[in-house]
C-alpha atoms as a PDB file:
ATOM      1  CA  MET A   1      -8.741 -17.579  -5.591  1.00  0.00           C
ATOM      2  CA  THR A   2      -5.703 -19.774  -5.126  1.00  0.00           C
ATOM      3  CA  GLY A   3      -6.090 -23.470  -4.430  1.00  0.00           C
ATOM      4  CA  ASP A   4      -6.230 -22.850  -0.691  1.00  0.00           C
ATOM      5  CA  GLY A   5      -8.835 -20.081  -1.007  1.00  0.00           C
ATOM      6  CA  ARG A   6      -6.572 -17.054  -0.701  1.00  0.00           C
ATOM      7  CA  GLN A   7      -7.586 -13.868  -2.520  1.00  0.00           C
ATOM      8  CA  LEU A   8      -5.330 -11.004  -3.595  1.00  0.00           C
ATOM      9  CA  ILE A   9      -6.709  -7.717  -2.242  1.00  0.00           C
ATOM     10  CA  LEU A  10      -5.235  -4.609  -3.857  1.00  0.00           C
ATOM     11  CA  PHE A  11      -4.831  -1.211  -2.180  1.00  0.00           C
ATOM     12  CA  PRO A  12      -4.388   1.661  -4.707  1.00  0.00           C
ATOM     13  CA  GLY A  13      -1.945   4.505  -4.193  1.00  0.00           C
ATOM     14  CA  ALA A  14      -2.744   8.164  -3.557  1.00  0.00           C
ATOM     15  CA  GLY A  15      -4.807   9.653  -6.370  1.00  0.00           C
ATOM     16  CA  ALA A  16      -5.261   6.220  -7.956  1.00  0.00           C
ATOM     17  CA  PHE A  17      -8.392   4.130  -8.279  1.00  0.00           C
ATOM     18  CA  GLY A  18      -7.193   0.626  -9.138  1.00  0.00           C
ATOM     19  CA  SER A  19      -6.770   0.685 -12.903  1.00  0.00           C
ATOM     20  CA  GLU A  20      -2.993   0.715 -12.351  1.00  0.00           C
ATOM     21  CA  PHE A  21      -3.336  -2.944 -11.278  1.00  0.00           C
ATOM     22  CA  HIS A  22      -4.950  -4.032 -14.557  1.00  0.00           C
ATOM     23  CA  ALA A  23      -1.834  -5.614 -16.070  1.00  0.00           C
ATOM     24  CA  LEU A  24      -0.992  -7.413 -12.834  1.00  0.00           C
ATOM     25  CA  ARG A  25      -4.524  -8.748 -12.381  1.00  0.00           C
ATOM     26  CA  SER A  26      -4.663  -9.996 -15.957  1.00  0.00           C
ATOM     27  CA  ALA A  27      -1.236 -11.634 -15.963  1.00  0.00           C
ATOM     28  CA  ALA A  28      -1.205 -13.078 -12.442  1.00  0.00           C
ATOM     29  CA  GLY A  29      -4.268 -15.218 -13.139  1.00  0.00           C
ATOM     30  CA  VAL A  30      -5.506 -15.261  -9.543  1.00  0.00           C
ATOM     31  CA  ASP A  31      -8.713 -14.042  -7.963  1.00  0.00           C
ATOM     32  CA  SER A  32      -8.339 -10.414  -6.905  1.00  0.00           C
ATOM     33  CA  ALA A  33     -10.317  -7.415  -5.704  1.00  0.00           C
ATOM     34  CA  VAL A  34      -9.544  -3.697  -5.453  1.00  0.00           C
ATOM     35  CA  MET A  35     -10.173  -1.948  -2.149  1.00  0.00           C
ATOM     36  CA  ARG A  36     -12.418   1.132  -2.353  1.00  0.00           C
ATOM     37  CA  TYR A  37     -11.557   3.765   0.222  1.00  0.00           C
ATOM     38  CA  PRO A  38     -14.237   5.596   2.199  1.00  0.00           C
ATOM     39  CA  GLY A  39     -14.604   9.369   1.902  1.00  0.00           C
ATOM     40  CA  ARG A  40     -13.466   9.661  -1.698  1.00  0.00           C
ATOM     41  CA  GLY A  41     -15.716  11.877  -3.794  1.00  0.00           C
ATOM     42  CA  THR A  42     -17.864  12.845  -0.829  1.00  0.00           C
ATOM     43  CA  GLY A  43     -15.936  15.802   0.556  1.00  0.00           C
ATOM     44  CA  GLU A  44     -16.117  14.131   3.956  1.00  0.00           C
ATOM     45  CA  ALA A  45     -12.986  14.494   6.081  1.00  0.00           C
ATOM     46  CA  VAL A  46     -11.581  11.126   7.129  1.00  0.00           C
ATOM     47  CA  SER A  47      -8.544  10.050   9.106  1.00  0.00           C
ATOM     48  CA  PHE A  48      -6.033   7.330   8.276  1.00  0.00           C
ATOM     49  CA  GLU A  49      -7.393   5.334  11.193  1.00  0.00           C
ATOM     50  CA  ALA A  50     -10.955   5.587   9.854  1.00  0.00           C
ATOM     51  CA  VAL A  51      -9.918   4.387   6.392  1.00  0.00           C
ATOM     52  CA  VAL A  52      -8.071   1.438   7.920  1.00  0.00           C
ATOM     53  CA  ALA A  53     -11.082   0.512  10.063  1.00  0.00           C
ATOM     54  CA  ALA A  54     -13.332   0.518   6.986  1.00  0.00           C
ATOM     55  CA  CYS A  55     -10.869  -1.634   5.020  1.00  0.00           C
ATOM     56  CA  ALA A  56     -10.559  -4.112   7.887  1.00  0.00           C
ATOM     57  CA  ASP A  57     -14.348  -4.338   8.203  1.00  0.00           C
ATOM     58  CA  ARG A  58     -14.706  -5.176   4.521  1.00  0.00           C
ATOM     59  CA  ILE A  59     -12.030  -7.859   4.578  1.00  0.00           C
ATOM     60  CA  ALA A  60     -13.175  -9.402   7.862  1.00  0.00           C
ATOM     61  CA  GLY A  61     -16.644  -9.796   6.356  1.00  0.00           C
ATOM     62  CA  ARG A  62     -15.364 -11.823   3.400  1.00  0.00           C
ATOM     63  CA  PRO A  63     -15.455 -15.624   3.395  1.00  0.00           C
ATOM     64  CA  ASP A  64     -11.900 -15.746   2.009  1.00  0.00           C
ATOM     65  CA  SER A  65      -9.273 -17.794   3.776  1.00  0.00           C
ATOM     66  CA  ARG A  66      -6.131 -15.870   4.760  1.00  0.00           C
ATOM     67  CA  PRO A  67      -6.064 -13.125   2.108  1.00  0.00           C
ATOM     68  CA  VAL A  68      -2.943 -11.608   0.570  1.00  0.00           C
ATOM     69  CA  LEU A  69      -2.818  -7.812   0.845  1.00  0.00           C
ATOM     70  CA  PHE A  70      -0.950  -5.843  -1.845  1.00  0.00           C
ATOM     71  CA  GLY A  71      -0.565  -2.101  -1.377  1.00  0.00           C
ATOM     72  CA  HIS A  72       1.124   0.395  -3.672  1.00  0.00           C
ATOM     73  CA  SER A  73       2.583   3.632  -2.237  1.00  0.00           C
ATOM     74  CA  TYR A  74      -0.151   5.185  -0.019  1.00  0.00           C
ATOM     75  CA  GLY A  75      -1.936   1.857  -0.318  1.00  0.00           C
ATOM     76  CA  ALA A  76       1.084   0.052   1.157  1.00  0.00           C
ATOM     77  CA  TYR A  77       0.630   1.896   4.457  1.00  0.00           C
ATOM     78  CA  LEU A  78      -3.093   1.186   4.442  1.00  0.00           C
ATOM     79  CA  ALA A  79      -2.451  -2.493   3.699  1.00  0.00           C
ATOM     80  CA  TYR A  80       0.081  -2.713   6.536  1.00  0.00           C
ATOM     81  CA  ALA A  81      -2.227  -1.018   9.046  1.00  0.00           C
ATOM     82  CA  THR A  82      -5.148  -3.157   7.857  1.00  0.00           C
ATOM     83  CA  ALA A  83      -3.067  -6.300   8.422  1.00  0.00           C
ATOM     84  CA  VAL A  84      -2.392  -5.079  11.957  1.00  0.00           C
ATOM     85  CA  ALA A  85      -6.103  -4.419  12.531  1.00  0.00           C
ATOM     86  CA  LEU A  86      -7.094  -7.826  11.140  1.00  0.00           C
ATOM     87  CA  ALA A  87      -4.564  -9.631  13.358  1.00  0.00           C
ATOM     88  CA  ARG A  88      -6.232  -8.029  16.376  1.00  0.00           C
ATOM     89  CA  ARG A  89      -9.511  -9.549  15.165  1.00  0.00           C
ATOM     90  CA  SER A  90      -7.884 -12.974  14.744  1.00  0.00           C
ATOM     91  CA  VAL A  91      -8.191 -12.712  10.949  1.00  0.00           C
ATOM     92  CA  ASP A  92      -5.019 -14.153   9.441  1.00  0.00           C
ATOM     93  CA  VAL A  93      -3.347 -12.432   6.497  1.00  0.00           C
ATOM     94  CA  SER A  94      -1.074 -14.898   4.707  1.00  0.00           C
ATOM     95  CA  LEU A  95       1.188 -12.313   3.041  1.00  0.00           C
ATOM     96  CA  LEU A  96       1.623  -8.538   2.909  1.00  0.00           C
ATOM     97  CA  ILE A  97       3.103  -7.149  -0.316  1.00  0.00           C
ATOM     98  CA  VAL A  98       4.159  -3.498  -0.303  1.00  0.00           C
ATOM     99  CA  ALA A  99       5.368  -1.675  -3.411  1.00  0.00           C
ATOM    100  CA  GLY A 100       6.753   1.811  -3.966  1.00  0.00           C
ATOM    101  CA  ALA A 101       6.772   2.688  -0.274  1.00  0.00           C
ATOM    102  CA  ALA A 102       9.551   3.383   2.208  1.00  0.00           C
ATOM    103  CA  ALA A 103       9.257   1.718   5.604  1.00  0.00           C
ATOM    104  CA  PRO A 104       6.559   3.453   7.679  1.00  0.00           C
ATOM    105  CA  ASP A 105       9.038   4.941  10.147  1.00  0.00           C
ATOM    106  CA  LEU A 106      10.843   6.617   7.252  1.00  0.00           C
ATOM    107  CA  LEU A 107       7.693   8.142   5.802  1.00  0.00           C
ATOM    108  CA  ARG A 108       7.608  11.849   5.079  1.00  0.00           C
ATOM    109  CA  VAL A 109       4.521  13.487   3.606  1.00  0.00           C
ATOM    110  CA  PRO A 110       5.631  16.777   1.974  1.00  0.00           C
ATOM    111  CA  PRO A 111       3.432  19.450   3.589  1.00  0.00           C
ATOM    112  CA  GLU A 112       3.542  21.581   0.452  1.00  0.00           C
ATOM    113  CA  ALA A 113       1.875  18.802  -1.561  1.00  0.00           C
ATOM    114  CA  THR A 114      -1.229  18.901   0.650  1.00  0.00           C
ATOM    115  CA  VAL A 115      -1.938  22.631   0.297  1.00  0.00           C
ATOM    116  CA  SER A 116      -4.072  22.438  -2.854  1.00  0.00           C
ATOM    117  CA  PRO A 117      -4.960  20.138  -5.766  1.00  0.00           C
ATOM    118  CA  GLU A 118      -2.555  22.142  -7.931  1.00  0.00           C
ATOM    119  CA  ALA A 119       0.273  21.565  -5.451  1.00  0.00           C
ATOM    120  CA  ALA A 120      -0.568  17.868  -5.295  1.00  0.00           C
ATOM    121  CA  ALA A 121      -0.501  17.657  -9.109  1.00  0.00           C
ATOM    122  CA  ALA A 122       2.892  19.389  -9.169  1.00  0.00           C
ATOM    123  CA  TYR A 123       4.197  16.846  -6.663  1.00  0.00           C
ATOM    124  CA  LEU A 124       2.924  14.001  -8.839  1.00  0.00           C
ATOM    125  CA  ASP A 125       4.482  15.540 -11.948  1.00  0.00           C
ATOM    126  CA  GLU A 126       7.818  15.667 -10.136  1.00  0.00           C
ATOM    127  CA  ALA A 127       7.593  12.077  -8.906  1.00  0.00           C
ATOM    128  CA  GLU A 128       6.186  10.640 -12.130  1.00  0.00           C
ATOM    129  CA  PRO A 129       6.849  12.985 -15.052  1.00  0.00           C
ATOM    130  CA  GLY A 130       4.320  12.586 -17.825  1.00  0.00           C
ATOM    131  CA  ARG A 131       1.757  10.563 -15.879  1.00  0.00           C
ATOM    132  CA  LEU A 132      -0.909  13.262 -16.314  1.00  0.00           C
ATOM    133  CA  ALA A 133       0.529  14.946 -19.392  1.00  0.00           C
ATOM    134  CA  ALA A 134      -1.993  13.435 -21.796  1.00  0.00           C
ATOM    135  CA  ALA A 135      -4.900  13.325 -19.366  1.00  0.00           C
ATOM    136  CA  ALA A 136      -8.113  15.199 -20.100  1.00  0.00           C
ATOM    137  CA  PRO A 137      -8.518  18.297 -17.897  1.00  0.00           C
ATOM    138  CA  GLU A 138     -11.449  16.740 -16.017  1.00  0.00           C
ATOM    139  CA  TRP A 139      -9.457  13.608 -15.226  1.00  0.00           C
ATOM    140  CA  ARG A 140      -6.376  15.562 -14.190  1.00  0.00           C
ATOM    141  CA  GLU A 141      -8.545  17.613 -11.845  1.00  0.00           C
ATOM    142  CA  ALA A 142     -10.133  14.487 -10.334  1.00  0.00           C
ATOM    143  CA  VAL A 143      -6.745  12.843  -9.796  1.00  0.00           C
ATOM    144  CA  ALA A 144      -5.251  16.004  -8.272  1.00  0.00           C
ATOM    145  CA  GLU A 145      -8.149  16.460  -5.846  1.00  0.00           C
ATOM    146  CA  THR A 146      -8.031  12.808  -4.802  1.00  0.00           C
ATOM    147  CA  LEU A 147      -4.249  12.900  -4.456  1.00  0.00           C
ATOM    148  CA  GLN A 148      -4.378  15.955  -2.210  1.00  0.00           C
ATOM    149  CA  ARG A 149      -7.054  14.319  -0.083  1.00  0.00           C
ATOM    150  CA  ASP A 150      -5.155  11.025   0.187  1.00  0.00           C
ATOM    151  CA  LEU A 151      -1.920  12.776   1.157  1.00  0.00           C
ATOM    152  CA  ARG A 152      -3.783  14.628   3.887  1.00  0.00           C
ATOM    153  CA  VAL A 153      -5.134  11.310   5.168  1.00  0.00           C
ATOM    154  CA  LEU A 154      -1.656   9.775   5.045  1.00  0.00           C
ATOM    155  CA  ALA A 155      -0.297  12.683   7.083  1.00  0.00           C
ATOM    156  CA  THR A 156      -2.535  11.560   9.978  1.00  0.00           C
ATOM    157  CA  LEU A 157      -0.805   8.169  10.169  1.00  0.00           C
ATOM    158  CA  THR A 158       0.640   7.412  13.579  1.00  0.00           C
ATOM    159  CA  LEU A 159       2.927   4.520  14.434  1.00  0.00           C
ATOM    160  CA  ALA A 160       3.269   2.601  17.670  1.00  0.00           C
ATOM    161  CA  SER A 161       6.634   2.769  19.404  1.00  0.00           C
ATOM    162  CA  PRO A 162       8.208   0.288  19.035  1.00  0.00           C
ATOM    163  CA  PRO A 163       6.621  -0.432  15.656  1.00  0.00           C
ATOM    164  CA  THR A 164       3.794  -2.957  15.543  1.00  0.00           C
ATOM    165  CA  ARG A 165       4.949  -6.053  13.691  1.00  0.00           C
ATOM    166  CA  VAL A 166       2.505  -8.016  11.554  1.00  0.00           C
ATOM    167  CA  PRO A 167       2.604 -11.788  12.080  1.00  0.00           C
ATOM    168  CA  CYS A 168       2.603 -12.525   8.336  1.00  0.00           C
ATOM    169  CA  PRO A 169       5.574 -12.413   5.939  1.00  0.00           C
ATOM    170  CA  VAL A 170       6.267  -9.179   4.058  1.00  0.00           C
ATOM    171  CA  LEU A 171       7.444  -8.860   0.465  1.00  0.00           C
ATOM    172  CA  ALA A 172       8.690  -5.330  -0.315  1.00  0.00           C
ATOM    173  CA  LEU A 173       9.059  -4.143  -3.916  1.00  0.00           C
ATOM    174  CA  ARG A 174      10.256  -1.026  -5.690  1.00  0.00           C
ATOM    175  CA  GLY A 175      10.933   0.138  -9.208  1.00  0.00           C
ATOM    176  CA  ALA A 176      14.639   0.620  -9.838  1.00  0.00           C
ATOM    177  CA  GLU A 177      13.917   4.124 -11.189  1.00  0.00           C
ATOM    178  CA  ASP A 178      11.561   5.160  -8.386  1.00  0.00           C
ATOM    179  CA  PRO A 179      12.697   8.553  -6.992  1.00  0.00           C
ATOM    180  CA  LEU A 180      10.528   8.178  -3.877  1.00  0.00           C
ATOM    181  CA  THR A 181      12.164   5.028  -2.505  1.00  0.00           C
ATOM    182  CA  SER A 182      15.580   3.438  -2.155  1.00  0.00           C
ATOM    183  CA  ASP A 183      16.845  -0.070  -1.445  1.00  0.00           C
ATOM    184  CA  ALA A 184      17.652   1.039   2.114  1.00  0.00           C
ATOM    185  CA  SER A 185      14.208   2.509   2.775  1.00  0.00           C
ATOM    186  CA  LEU A 186      12.615  -0.654   1.380  1.00  0.00           C
ATOM    187  CA  ALA A 187      14.746  -2.836   3.655  1.00  0.00           C
ATOM    188  CA  GLY A 188      13.252  -1.014   6.632  1.00  0.00           C
ATOM    189  CA  TRP A 189      10.013  -2.972   6.231  1.00  0.00           C
ATOM    190  CA  GLU A 190      11.762  -5.888   7.924  1.00  0.00           C
ATOM    191  CA  ARG A 191      11.248  -4.003  11.197  1.00  0.00           C
ATOM    192  CA  PHE A 192       7.487  -4.337  10.723  1.00  0.00           C
ATOM    193  CA  THR A 193       7.066  -8.106  10.492  1.00  0.00           C
ATOM    194  CA  ARG A 194       7.406 -11.155  12.712  1.00  0.00           C
ATOM    195  CA  GLY A 195       7.189 -13.343   9.632  1.00  0.00           C
ATOM    196  CA  GLY A 196       9.690 -13.782   6.848  1.00  0.00           C
ATOM    197  CA  PHE A 197      10.929 -10.809   4.850  1.00  0.00           C
ATOM    198  CA  ASP A 198      12.022 -10.427   1.250  1.00  0.00           C
ATOM    199  CA  ARG A 199      12.628  -7.408  -0.953  1.00  0.00           C
ATOM    200  CA  ARG A 200      13.026  -7.055  -4.689  1.00  0.00           C
ATOM    201  CA  SER A 201      13.949  -4.261  -7.077  1.00  0.00           C
ATOM    202  CA  LEU A 202      12.140  -4.556 -10.418  1.00  0.00           C
ATOM    203  CA  GLU A 203      12.031  -2.555 -13.624  1.00  0.00           C
ATOM    204  CA  GLY A 204      10.157   0.733 -13.700  1.00  0.00           C
ATOM    205  CA  GLY A 205       9.528   3.874 -11.700  1.00  0.00           C
ATOM    206  CA  HIS A 206       7.180   4.657  -8.845  1.00  0.00           C
ATOM    207  CA  SER A 207       4.010   3.330 -10.503  1.00  0.00           C
ATOM    208  CA  GLY A 208       5.802   1.669 -13.409  1.00  0.00           C
ATOM    209  CA  VAL A 209       6.865  -1.139 -11.084  1.00  0.00           C
ATOM    210  CA  LEU A 210       3.263  -2.389 -11.328  1.00  0.00           C
ATOM    211  CA  ASP A 211       3.874  -3.060 -15.027  1.00  0.00           C
ATOM    212  CA  ALA A 212       7.267  -4.722 -14.499  1.00  0.00           C
ATOM    213  CA  PRO A 213       7.581  -7.902 -16.610  1.00  0.00           C
ATOM    214  CA  ASP A 214       8.567 -10.010 -13.603  1.00  0.00           C
ATOM    215  CA  LEU A 215       5.896  -8.770 -11.194  1.00  0.00           C
ATOM    216  CA  ALA A 216       2.984 -10.987 -12.196  1.00  0.00           C
ATOM    217  CA  ALA A 217       5.101 -14.146 -12.085  1.00  0.00           C
ATOM    218  CA  LEU A 218       6.506 -13.161  -8.697  1.00  0.00           C
ATOM    219  CA  VAL A 219       3.065 -12.497  -7.233  1.00  0.00           C
ATOM    220  CA  ARG A 220       1.612 -15.670  -8.748  1.00  0.00           C
ATOM    221  CA  GLU A 221       4.470 -17.722  -7.322  1.00  0.00           C
ATOM    222  CA  ARG A 222       3.970 -16.258  -3.858  1.00  0.00           C
ATOM    223  CA  LEU A 223       0.220 -16.805  -3.955  1.00  0.00           C
ATOM    224  CA  THR A 224       0.421 -20.397  -5.175  1.00  0.00           C
ATOM    225  CA  ARG A 225       3.223 -21.283  -2.783  1.00  0.00           C
ATOM    226  CA  LYS A 226       1.975 -23.450   0.065  1.00  0.00           C
ATOM    227  CA  ALA A 227       0.921 -21.056   2.810  1.00  0.00           C
ATOM    228  CA  ASP A 228       2.572 -21.298   6.203  1.00  0.00           C
ATOM    229  CA  PRO A 229       0.191 -22.181   9.045  1.00  0.00           C
ATOM    230  CA  PRO A 230      -1.272 -19.167  10.866  1.00  0.00           C
ATOM    231  CA  ARG A 231       0.916 -17.792  13.621  1.00  0.00           C
ATOM    232  CA  THR A 232      -0.529 -17.750  17.103  1.00  0.00           C
ATOM    233  CA  THR A 233       1.382 -14.651  18.175  1.00  0.00           C
ATOM    234  CA  ARG A 234      -0.358 -11.353  17.619  1.00  0.00           C
ATOM    235  CA  PRO A 235       0.968  -7.834  17.192  1.00  0.00           C
ATOM    236  CA  SER A 236       1.283  -5.632  20.218  1.00  0.00           C
ATOM    237  CA  PRO A 237      -2.039  -3.972  21.118  1.00  0.00           C
ATOM    238  CA  ASP A 238      -0.323  -0.594  21.074  1.00  0.00           C
ATOM    239  CA  GLY A 239      -1.944   1.781  18.628  1.00  0.00           C
ATOM    240  CA  PRO A 240      -0.361   3.265  15.504  1.00  0.00           C
ATOM    241  CA  PRO A 241       2.842   5.624  16.188  1.00  0.00           C
ATOM    242  CA  GLU A 242       3.679   9.130  15.207  1.00  0.00           C
ATOM    243  CA  ILE A 243       5.129   9.945  11.808  1.00  0.00           C
ATOM    244  CA  ARG A 244       8.862  10.248  11.908  1.00  0.00           C
ATOM    245  CA  ARG A 245       9.682  12.890   9.352  1.00  0.00           C
ATOM    246  CA  ARG A 246      12.950  12.004   7.672  1.00  0.00           C
ATOM    247  CA  PRO A 247      13.973  13.691   4.459  1.00  0.00           C
ATOM    248  CA  PRO A 248      15.388  10.891   2.289  1.00  0.00           C
ATOM    249  CA  ASP A 249      12.151   9.287   1.111  1.00  0.00           C
ATOM    250  CA  ARG A 250       8.793  10.801   0.190  1.00  0.00           C
ATOM    251  CA  GLU A 251       5.582   9.039  -0.603  1.00  0.00           C
ATOM    252  CA  GLY A 252       2.616   9.715  -2.819  1.00  0.00           C
END
């Protein structure tokens, strides 16, 4: 943990299991934990709302003081919604970091990518060429099945109107070569916070941003920075809103 007890809680992207955060966890030098999503590997159908509720339960039960949530891609939306859920329980999140994800109201889940594991794998190959090229067939199959499942869960995301703003600051990141996001779509996260907002473009692609040379130092600096006192204002009690399907940015 940091000196004031904050822990970095990591939310993996669609089809990912947390190993993509290895370099960040090693280099950042802070206490961290990877969120495990319910329903994976069980065949059980789950909704976005159910996954968020499970994540919020796990974090609310921790003794940590004001955790920092870091979500990549699909995980960014889960981290955001979990921060909203925790605020309603009077659990303060000190910082929300989102990477490789357009603002929630710009999210578009390609329907064709959810049809089958093969279609999900093709979508991943398009977004991140070569990511599965050297993978063993069994691993490729596991990733494709999980990716399809996660994209289906993401497609059930609904947003409140107007958007629910988290009380904590938001730091939005993207890889400069990421085909699924843009500087403009990243800037849209400012609409989802009552706290401060900052965005950065780092080296790398969609997942490659997690290995960017500057990422660990940036995260470490934000975690060791003196935390602002908890805000007393809470997000609107309105539930999560409908997906607005806009073509420019796609998520995985």
